[in-house]
Amino acid sequence: MSDECPRQGSGEMEPIPRTVAAVADALPPARRHEFHAAVSSARQGPERDAALTTWWLEALFERVPGRDQRLDDTVAGVGLVELEPETQER
């Protein structure tokens, strides 16, 4: 996985580095405390890396317009699309 991911937007690609400072800056102010608590309480190594990656992805998802409404719709079962069953090839 790359340490940066482009933002969606007006055609310009702006990366969000996978660093504590960059992730905190990319999150809405209301979620920063939760992020800092998760990262600071994680042990150095894989646990901390996993916490940072989880929140880095959250920061990326926060940039997707309409995310909160889509999450609410999903929880309510509104606008769901049925997927075709997978076929197994042998």
PDB file of N, CA and C in Angstrom:
ATOM      1  N   MET A   1       0.859  -1.170   0.000  1.00  0.00           N
ATOM      2  CA  MET A   1       0.000   0.000   0.000  1.00  0.00           C
ATOM      3  C   MET A   1       0.896   1.220   0.000  1.00  0.00           C
ATOM      4  N   SER A   2       0.577   2.168  -0.839  1.00  0.00           N
ATOM      5  CA  SER A   2       1.344   3.406  -0.909  1.00  0.00           C
ATOM      6  C   SER A   2       1.110   4.222   0.356  1.00  0.00           C
ATOM      7  N   ASP A   3       2.101   5.024   0.715  1.00  0.00           N
ATOM      8  CA  ASP A   3       1.950   5.887   1.882  1.00  0.00           C
ATOM      9  C   ASP A   3       1.164   7.150   1.572  1.00  0.00           C
ATOM     10  N   GLU A   4       0.782   7.312   0.333  1.00  0.00           N
ATOM     11  CA  GLU A   4      -0.012   8.479  -0.040  1.00  0.00           C
ATOM     12  C   GLU A   4      -1.136   8.021  -0.951  1.00  0.00           C
ATOM     13  N   CYS A   5      -2.230   8.731  -0.924  1.00  0.00           N
ATOM     14  CA  CYS A   5      -3.351   8.421  -1.793  1.00  0.00           C
ATOM     15  C   CYS A   5      -3.918   9.733  -2.296  1.00  0.00           C
ATOM     16  N   PRO A   6      -4.264   9.809  -3.569  1.00  0.00           N
ATOM     17  CA  PRO A   6      -4.781  11.067  -4.095  1.00  0.00           C
ATOM     18  C   PRO A   6      -6.170  11.373  -3.559  1.00  0.00           C
ATOM     19  N   ARG A   7      -6.457  12.647  -3.464  1.00  0.00           N
ATOM     20  CA  ARG A   7      -7.787  13.116  -3.096  1.00  0.00           C
ATOM     21  C   ARG A   7      -8.643  13.201  -4.335  1.00  0.00           C
ATOM     22  N   GLN A   8      -9.922  12.941  -4.175  1.00  0.00           N
ATOM     23  CA  GLN A   8     -10.843  13.179  -5.271  1.00  0.00           C
ATOM     24  C   GLN A   8     -11.134  14.668  -5.297  1.00  0.00           C
ATOM     25  N   GLY A   9     -11.382  15.188  -6.466  1.00  0.00           N
ATOM     26  CA  GLY A   9     -11.687  16.606  -6.510  1.00  0.00           C
ATOM     27  C   GLY A   9     -11.762  17.101  -7.920  1.00  0.00           C
ATOM     28  N   SER A  10     -11.277  18.297  -8.117  1.00  0.00           N
ATOM     29  CA  SER A  10     -11.408  18.977  -9.397  1.00  0.00           C
ATOM     30  C   SER A  10     -10.326  18.570 -10.385  1.00  0.00           C
ATOM     31  N   GLY A  11      -9.831  17.360 -10.301  1.00  0.00           N
ATOM     32  CA  GLY A  11      -8.810  16.914 -11.225  1.00  0.00           C
ATOM     33  C   GLY A  11      -7.410  16.993 -10.663  1.00  0.00           C
ATOM     34  N   GLU A  12      -7.202  17.818  -9.659  1.00  0.00           N
ATOM     35  CA  GLU A  12      -5.881  17.898  -9.042  1.00  0.00           C
ATOM     36  C   GLU A  12      -5.761  16.786  -8.009  1.00  0.00           C
ATOM     37  N   MET A  13      -4.602  16.157  -8.019  1.00  0.00           N
ATOM     38  CA  MET A  13      -4.377  15.067  -7.089  1.00  0.00           C
ATOM     39  C   MET A  13      -3.507  15.574  -5.942  1.00  0.00           C
ATOM     40  N   GLU A  14      -4.063  15.620  -4.752  1.00  0.00           N
ATOM     41  CA  GLU A  14      -3.313  16.040  -3.577  1.00  0.00           C
ATOM     42  C   GLU A  14      -3.210  14.852  -2.639  1.00  0.00           C
ATOM     43  N   PRO A  15      -2.008  14.377  -2.383  1.00  0.00           N
ATOM     44  CA  PRO A  15      -1.860  13.198  -1.526  1.00  0.00           C
ATOM     45  C   PRO A  15      -2.087  13.514  -0.055  1.00  0.00           C
ATOM     46  N   ILE A  16      -2.481  12.503   0.669  1.00  0.00           N
ATOM     47  CA  ILE A  16      -2.522  12.570   2.126  1.00  0.00           C
ATOM     48  C   ILE A  16      -1.427  11.620   2.596  1.00  0.00           C
ATOM     49  N   PRO A  17      -0.307  12.146   3.047  1.00  0.00           N
ATOM     50  CA  PRO A  17       0.744  11.255   3.543  1.00  0.00           C
ATOM     51  C   PRO A  17       0.240  10.448   4.741  1.00  0.00           C
ATOM     52  N   ARG A  18       0.726   9.250   4.881  1.00  0.00           N
ATOM     53  CA  ARG A  18       0.317   8.402   5.999  1.00  0.00           C
ATOM     54  C   ARG A  18       1.226   8.693   7.184  1.00  0.00           C
ATOM     55  N   THR A  19       1.034   9.909   7.733  1.00  0.00           N
ATOM     56  CA  THR A  19       1.755  10.338   8.928  1.00  0.00           C
ATOM     57  C   THR A  19       0.735  10.825   9.945  1.00  0.00           C
ATOM     58  N   VAL A  20       1.133  10.847  11.200  1.00  0.00           N
ATOM     59  CA  VAL A  20       0.221  11.289  12.256  1.00  0.00           C
ATOM     60  C   VAL A  20      -0.250  12.712  11.989  1.00  0.00           C
ATOM     61  N   ALA A  21       0.663  13.606  11.668  1.00  0.00           N
ATOM     62  CA  ALA A  21       0.297  15.010  11.453  1.00  0.00           C
ATOM     63  C   ALA A  21      -0.628  15.173  10.247  1.00  0.00           C
ATOM     64  N   ALA A  22      -0.313  14.506   9.142  1.00  0.00           N
ATOM     65  CA  ALA A  22      -1.127  14.652   7.925  1.00  0.00           C
ATOM     66  C   ALA A  22      -2.524  14.070   8.113  1.00  0.00           C
ATOM     67  N   VAL A  23      -2.611  12.924   8.778  1.00  0.00           N
ATOM     68  CA  VAL A  23      -3.922  12.313   9.015  1.00  0.00           C
ATOM     69  C   VAL A  23      -4.749  13.204   9.939  1.00  0.00           C
ATOM     70  N   ALA A  24      -4.140  13.706  10.999  1.00  0.00           N
ATOM     71  CA  ALA A  24      -4.863  14.598  11.916  1.00  0.00           C
ATOM     72  C   ALA A  24      -5.374  15.826  11.180  1.00  0.00           C
ATOM     73  N   ASP A  25      -4.554  16.407  10.323  1.00  0.00           N
ATOM     74  CA  ASP A  25      -4.972  17.588   9.561  1.00  0.00           C
ATOM     75  C   ASP A  25      -6.113  17.279   8.596  1.00  0.00           C
ATOM     76  N   ALA A  26      -6.137  16.056   8.054  1.00  0.00           N
ATOM     77  CA  ALA A  26      -7.145  15.692   7.062  1.00  0.00           C
ATOM     78  C   ALA A  26      -8.486  15.311   7.691  1.00  0.00           C
ATOM     79  N   LEU A  27      -8.471  14.964   8.966  1.00  0.00           N
ATOM     80  CA  LEU A  27      -9.714  14.589   9.645  1.00  0.00           C
ATOM     81  C   LEU A  27     -10.484  15.827  10.086  1.00  0.00           C
ATOM     82  N   PRO A  28     -11.804  15.708  10.165  1.00  0.00           N
ATOM     83  CA  PRO A  28     -12.577  16.822  10.718  1.00  0.00           C
ATOM     84  C   PRO A  28     -12.198  17.021  12.189  1.00  0.00           C
ATOM     85  N   PRO A  29     -12.245  18.242  12.673  1.00  0.00           N
ATOM     86  CA  PRO A  29     -11.857  18.516  14.061  1.00  0.00           C
ATOM     87  C   PRO A  29     -12.546  17.613  15.087  1.00  0.00           C
ATOM     88  N   ALA A  30     -13.789  17.253  14.845  1.00  0.00           N
ATOM     89  CA  ALA A  30     -14.528  16.427  15.801  1.00  0.00           C
ATOM     90  C   ALA A  30     -13.968  15.015  15.938  1.00  0.00           C
ATOM     91  N   ARG A  31     -13.188  14.549  14.981  1.00  0.00           N
ATOM     92  CA  ARG A  31     -12.662  13.184  15.019  1.00  0.00           C
ATOM     93  C   ARG A  31     -11.189  13.120  15.414  1.00  0.00           C
ATOM     94  N   ARG A  32     -10.533  14.257  15.505  1.00  0.00           N
ATOM     95  CA  ARG A  32      -9.092  14.270  15.782  1.00  0.00           C
ATOM     96  C   ARG A  32      -8.737  13.703  17.154  1.00  0.00           C
ATOM     97  N   HIS A  33      -9.544  14.016  18.153  1.00  0.00           N
ATOM     98  CA  HIS A  33      -9.265  13.502  19.503  1.00  0.00           C
ATOM     99  C   HIS A  33      -9.308  11.973  19.496  1.00  0.00           C
ATOM    100  N   GLU A  34     -10.300  11.411  18.846  1.00  0.00           N
ATOM    101  CA  GLU A  34     -10.434   9.952  18.761  1.00  0.00           C
ATOM    102  C   GLU A  34      -9.224   9.343  18.038  1.00  0.00           C
ATOM    103  N   PHE A  35      -8.785  10.000  16.967  1.00  0.00           N
ATOM    104  CA  PHE A  35      -7.609   9.547  16.229  1.00  0.00           C
ATOM    105  C   PHE A  35      -6.364   9.566  17.113  1.00  0.00           C
ATOM    106  N   HIS A  36      -6.117  10.695  17.760  1.00  0.00           N
ATOM    107  CA  HIS A  36      -4.924  10.803  18.608  1.00  0.00           C
ATOM    108  C   HIS A  36      -4.963   9.783  19.749  1.00  0.00           C
ATOM    109  N   ALA A  37      -6.130   9.533  20.318  1.00  0.00           N
ATOM    110  CA  ALA A  37      -6.249   8.545  21.389  1.00  0.00           C
ATOM    111  C   ALA A  37      -5.907   7.150  20.870  1.00  0.00           C
ATOM    112  N   ALA A  38      -6.394   6.804  19.690  1.00  0.00           N
ATOM    113  CA  ALA A  38      -6.130   5.470  19.126  1.00  0.00           C
ATOM    114  C   ALA A  38      -4.651   5.281  18.812  1.00  0.00           C
ATOM    115  N   VAL A  39      -4.049   6.276  18.202  1.00  0.00           N
ATOM    116  CA  VAL A  39      -2.642   6.147  17.811  1.00  0.00           C
ATOM    117  C   VAL A  39      -1.724   6.189  19.033  1.00  0.00           C
ATOM    118  N   SER A  40      -2.016   7.064  19.978  1.00  0.00           N
ATOM    119  CA  SER A  40      -1.120   7.181  21.137  1.00  0.00           C
ATOM    120  C   SER A  40      -1.238   6.014  22.100  1.00  0.00           C
ATOM    121  N   SER A  41      -2.360   5.305  22.096  1.00  0.00           N
ATOM    122  CA  SER A  41      -2.509   4.154  22.998  1.00  0.00           C
ATOM    123  C   SER A  41      -2.027   2.848  22.364  1.00  0.00           C
ATOM    124  N   ALA A  42      -1.762   2.861  21.066  1.00  0.00           N
ATOM    125  CA  ALA A  42      -1.283   1.655  20.381  1.00  0.00           C
ATOM    126  C   ALA A  42       0.206   1.449  20.647  1.00  0.00           C
ATOM    127  N   ARG A  43       0.608   0.199  20.753  1.00  0.00           N
ATOM    128  CA  ARG A  43       2.021  -0.122  20.962  1.00  0.00           C
ATOM    129  C   ARG A  43       2.806   0.118  19.689  1.00  0.00           C
ATOM    130  N   GLN A  44       4.049   0.529  19.859  1.00  0.00           N
ATOM    131  CA  GLN A  44       4.954   0.758  18.732  1.00  0.00           C
ATOM    132  C   GLN A  44       5.058  -0.527  17.920  1.00  0.00           C
ATOM    133  N   GLY A  45       5.036  -0.415  16.606  1.00  0.00           N
ATOM    134  CA  GLY A  45       5.156  -1.573  15.723  1.00  0.00           C
ATOM    135  C   GLY A  45       3.856  -1.833  14.979  1.00  0.00           C
ATOM    136  N   PRO A  46       3.522  -3.099  14.756  1.00  0.00           N
ATOM    137  CA  PRO A  46       2.345  -3.431  13.949  1.00  0.00           C
ATOM    138  C   PRO A  46       1.033  -2.855  14.482  1.00  0.00           C
ATOM    139  N   GLU A  47       0.885  -2.805  15.800  1.00  0.00           N
ATOM    140  CA  GLU A  47      -0.353  -2.272  16.376  1.00  0.00           C
ATOM    141  C   GLU A  47      -0.517  -0.785  16.048  1.00  0.00           C
ATOM    142  N   ARG A  48       0.556  -0.035  16.190  1.00  0.00           N
ATOM    143  CA  ARG A  48       0.496   1.397  15.878  1.00  0.00           C
ATOM    144  C   ARG A  48       0.336   1.613  14.380  1.00  0.00           C
ATOM    145  N   ASP A  49       1.035   0.817  13.581  1.00  0.00           N
ATOM    146  CA  ASP A  49       0.906   0.920  12.124  1.00  0.00           C
ATOM    147  C   ASP A  49      -0.541   0.663  11.691  1.00  0.00           C
ATOM    148  N   ALA A  50      -1.169  -0.339  12.297  1.00  0.00           N
ATOM    149  CA  ALA A  50      -2.562  -0.662  11.958  1.00  0.00           C
ATOM    150  C   ALA A  50      -3.504   0.474  12.348  1.00  0.00           C
ATOM    151  N   ALA A  51      -3.284   1.064  13.522  1.00  0.00           N
ATOM    152  CA  ALA A  51      -4.128   2.186  13.948  1.00  0.00           C
ATOM    153  C   ALA A  51      -3.966   3.373  13.007  1.00  0.00           C
ATOM    154  N   LEU A  52      -2.731   3.677  12.636  1.00  0.00           N
ATOM    155  CA  LEU A  52      -2.490   4.794  11.731  1.00  0.00           C
ATOM    156  C   LEU A  52      -3.112   4.533  10.368  1.00  0.00           C
ATOM    157  N   THR A  53      -2.974   3.314   9.856  1.00  0.00           N
ATOM    158  CA  THR A  53      -3.546   2.976   8.554  1.00  0.00           C
ATOM    159  C   THR A  53      -5.066   3.064   8.587  1.00  0.00           C
ATOM    160  N   THR A  54      -5.675   2.570   9.656  1.00  0.00           N
ATOM    161  CA  THR A  54      -7.138   2.644   9.788  1.00  0.00           C
ATOM    162  C   THR A  54      -7.612   4.093   9.726  1.00  0.00           C
ATOM    163  N   TRP A  55      -6.945   4.957  10.457  1.00  0.00           N
ATOM    164  CA  TRP A  55      -7.350   6.361  10.482  1.00  0.00           C
ATOM    165  C   TRP A  55      -6.965   7.096   9.206  1.00  0.00           C
ATOM    166  N   TRP A  56      -5.902   6.679   8.546  1.00  0.00           N
ATOM    167  CA  TRP A  56      -5.536   7.250   7.247  1.00  0.00           C
ATOM    168  C   TRP A  56      -6.647   6.962   6.253  1.00  0.00           C
ATOM    169  N   LEU A  57      -7.157   5.730   6.268  1.00  0.00           N
ATOM    170  CA  LEU A  57      -8.282   5.380   5.387  1.00  0.00           C
ATOM    171  C   LEU A  57      -9.520   6.197   5.750  1.00  0.00           C
ATOM    172  N   GLU A  58      -9.776   6.380   7.046  1.00  0.00           N
ATOM    173  CA  GLU A  58     -10.903   7.219   7.469  1.00  0.00           C
ATOM    174  C   GLU A  58     -10.755   8.640   6.922  1.00  0.00           C
ATOM    175  N   ALA A  59      -9.535   9.170   6.968  1.00  0.00           N
ATOM    176  CA  ALA A  59      -9.296  10.517   6.436  1.00  0.00           C
ATOM    177  C   ALA A  59      -9.598  10.557   4.942  1.00  0.00           C
ATOM    178  N   LEU A  60      -9.216   9.507   4.217  1.00  0.00           N
ATOM    179  CA  LEU A  60      -9.525   9.442   2.786  1.00  0.00           C
ATOM    180  C   LEU A  60     -11.029   9.372   2.559  1.00  0.00           C
ATOM    181  N   PHE A  61     -11.715   8.534   3.333  1.00  0.00           N
ATOM    182  CA  PHE A  61     -13.165   8.389   3.184  1.00  0.00           C
ATOM    183  C   PHE A  61     -13.900   9.680   3.524  1.00  0.00           C
ATOM    184  N   GLU A  62     -13.373  10.449   4.463  1.00  0.00           N
ATOM    185  CA  GLU A  62     -14.002  11.721   4.840  1.00  0.00           C
ATOM    186  C   GLU A  62     -14.069  12.691   3.665  1.00  0.00           C
ATOM    187  N   ARG A  63     -13.191  12.511   2.696  1.00  0.00           N
ATOM    188  CA  ARG A  63     -13.141  13.416   1.545  1.00  0.00           C
ATOM    189  C   ARG A  63     -14.135  13.062   0.460  1.00  0.00           C
ATOM    190  N   VAL A  64     -14.802  11.927   0.583  1.00  0.00           N
ATOM    191  CA  VAL A  64     -15.768  11.508  -0.428  1.00  0.00           C
ATOM    192  C   VAL A  64     -17.085  12.231  -0.162  1.00  0.00           C
ATOM    193  N   PRO A  65     -17.529  13.059  -1.109  1.00  0.00           N
ATOM    194  CA  PRO A  65     -18.773  13.795  -0.901  1.00  0.00           C
ATOM    195  C   PRO A  65     -19.964  12.862  -0.656  1.00  0.00           C
ATOM    196  N   GLY A  66     -20.783  13.206   0.306  1.00  0.00           N
ATOM    197  CA  GLY A  66     -21.996  12.439   0.594  1.00  0.00           C
ATOM    198  C   GLY A  66     -21.769  11.178   1.406  1.00  0.00           C
ATOM    199  N   ARG A  67     -20.588  11.013   1.962  1.00  0.00           N
ATOM    200  CA  ARG A  67     -20.281   9.781   2.694  1.00  0.00           C
ATOM    201  C   ARG A  67     -21.255   9.540   3.847  1.00  0.00           C
ATOM    202  N   ASP A  68     -21.510  10.543   4.657  1.00  0.00           N
ATOM    203  CA  ASP A  68     -22.392  10.366   5.814  1.00  0.00           C
ATOM    204  C   ASP A  68     -23.789   9.928   5.390  1.00  0.00           C
ATOM    205  N   GLN A  69     -24.303  10.516   4.320  1.00  0.00           N
ATOM    206  CA  GLN A  69     -25.638  10.143   3.846  1.00  0.00           C
ATOM    207  C   GLN A  69     -25.647   8.700   3.345  1.00  0.00           C
ATOM    208  N   ARG A  70     -24.607   8.302   2.618  1.00  0.00           N
ATOM    209  CA  ARG A  70     -24.541   6.918   2.130  1.00  0.00           C
ATOM    210  C   ARG A  70     -24.445   5.928   3.287  1.00  0.00           C
ATOM    211  N   LEU A  71     -23.685   6.264   4.322  1.00  0.00           N
ATOM    212  CA  LEU A  71     -23.593   5.389   5.487  1.00  0.00           C
ATOM    213  C   LEU A  71     -24.948   5.275   6.186  1.00  0.00           C
ATOM    214  N   ASP A  72     -25.637   6.402   6.342  1.00  0.00           N
ATOM    215  CA  ASP A  72     -26.968   6.387   6.954  1.00  0.00           C
ATOM    216  C   ASP A  72     -27.925   5.544   6.128  1.00  0.00           C
ATOM    217  N   ASP A  73     -27.884   5.705   4.802  1.00  0.00           N
ATOM    218  CA  ASP A  73     -28.757   4.929   3.917  1.00  0.00           C
ATOM    219  C   ASP A  73     -28.472   3.436   4.020  1.00  0.00           C
ATOM    220  N   THR A  74     -27.199   3.082   4.106  1.00  0.00           N
ATOM    221  CA  THR A  74     -26.820   1.676   4.211  1.00  0.00           C
ATOM    222  C   THR A  74     -27.348   1.067   5.502  1.00  0.00           C
ATOM    223  N   VAL A  75     -27.170   1.782   6.603  1.00  0.00           N
ATOM    224  CA  VAL A  75     -27.665   1.296   7.889  1.00  0.00           C
ATOM    225  C   VAL A  75     -29.189   1.140   7.853  1.00  0.00           C
ATOM    226  N   ALA A  76     -29.866   2.059   7.169  1.00  0.00           N
ATOM    227  CA  ALA A  76     -31.326   2.017   7.076  1.00  0.00           C
ATOM    228  C   ALA A  76     -31.815   1.045   6.004  1.00  0.00           C
ATOM    229  N   GLY A  77     -30.897   0.510   5.205  1.00  0.00           N
ATOM    230  CA  GLY A  77     -31.298  -0.415   4.140  1.00  0.00           C
ATOM    231  C   GLY A  77     -31.915   0.286   2.952  1.00  0.00           C
ATOM    232  N   VAL A  78     -31.572   1.548   2.737  1.00  0.00           N
ATOM    233  CA  VAL A  78     -32.136   2.344   1.650  1.00  0.00           C
ATOM    234  C   VAL A  78     -31.169   2.361   0.470  1.00  0.00           C
ATOM    235  N   GLY A  79     -31.684   2.143  -0.719  1.00  0.00           N
ATOM    236  CA  GLY A  79     -30.873   2.266  -1.926  1.00  0.00           C
ATOM    237  C   GLY A  79     -29.825   1.178  -2.101  1.00  0.00           C
ATOM    238  N   LEU A  80     -30.043   0.028  -1.478  1.00  0.00           N
ATOM    239  CA  LEU A  80     -29.084  -1.055  -1.613  1.00  0.00           C
ATOM    240  C   LEU A  80     -29.203  -1.694  -2.999  1.00  0.00           C
ATOM    241  N   VAL A  81     -28.108  -2.188  -3.500  1.00  0.00           N
ATOM    242  CA  VAL A  81     -28.085  -2.831  -4.811  1.00  0.00           C
ATOM    243  C   VAL A  81     -27.760  -4.301  -4.607  1.00  0.00           C
ATOM    244  N   GLU A  82     -28.585  -5.162  -5.186  1.00  0.00           N
ATOM    245  CA  GLU A  82     -28.332  -6.595  -5.067  1.00  0.00           C
ATOM    246  C   GLU A  82     -27.214  -6.993  -6.022  1.00  0.00           C
ATOM    247  N   LEU A  83     -26.261  -7.723  -5.512  1.00  0.00           N
ATOM    248  CA  LEU A  83     -25.145  -8.181  -6.322  1.00  0.00           C
ATOM    249  C   LEU A  83     -25.450  -9.569  -6.866  1.00  0.00           C
ATOM    250  N   GLU A  84     -24.935  -9.835  -8.060  1.00  0.00           N
ATOM    251  CA  GLU A  84     -25.104 -11.161  -8.630  1.00  0.00           C
ATOM    252  C   GLU A  84     -24.213 -12.132  -7.873  1.00  0.00           C
ATOM    253  N   PRO A  85     -24.698 -13.371  -7.697  1.00  0.00           N
ATOM    254  CA  PRO A  85     -23.857 -14.342  -6.985  1.00  0.00           C
ATOM    255  C   PRO A  85     -22.587 -14.643  -7.785  1.00  0.00           C
ATOM    256  N   GLU A  86     -21.519 -14.890  -7.057  1.00  0.00           N
ATOM    257  CA  GLU A  86     -20.256 -15.230  -7.710  1.00  0.00           C
ATOM    258  C   GLU A  86     -20.325 -16.639  -8.250  1.00  0.00           C
ATOM    259  N   THR A  87     -19.725 -16.844  -9.384  1.00  0.00           N
ATOM    260  CA  THR A  87     -19.624 -18.202  -9.918  1.00  0.00           C
ATOM    261  C   THR A  87     -18.207 -18.682  -9.729  1.00  0.00           C
ATOM    262  N   GLN A  88     -18.079 -19.940  -9.404  1.00  0.00           N
ATOM    263  CA  GLN A  88     -16.746 -20.492  -9.191  1.00  0.00           C
ATOM    264  C   GLN A  88     -16.295 -21.157 -10.476  1.00  0.00           C
ATOM    265  N   GLU A  89     -15.110 -20.765 -10.929  1.00  0.00           N
ATOM    266  CA  GLU A  89     -14.546 -21.351 -12.131  1.00  0.00           C
ATOM    267  C   GLU A  89     -13.638 -22.494 -11.743  1.00  0.00           C
ATOM    268  N   ARG A  90     -13.726 -23.590 -12.466  1.00  0.00           N
ATOM    269  CA  ARG A  90     -12.842 -24.742 -12.196  1.00  0.00           C
ATOM    270  C   ARG A  90     -12.351 -25.285 -13.484  1.00  0.00           C
TER     271      ARG A  90
END
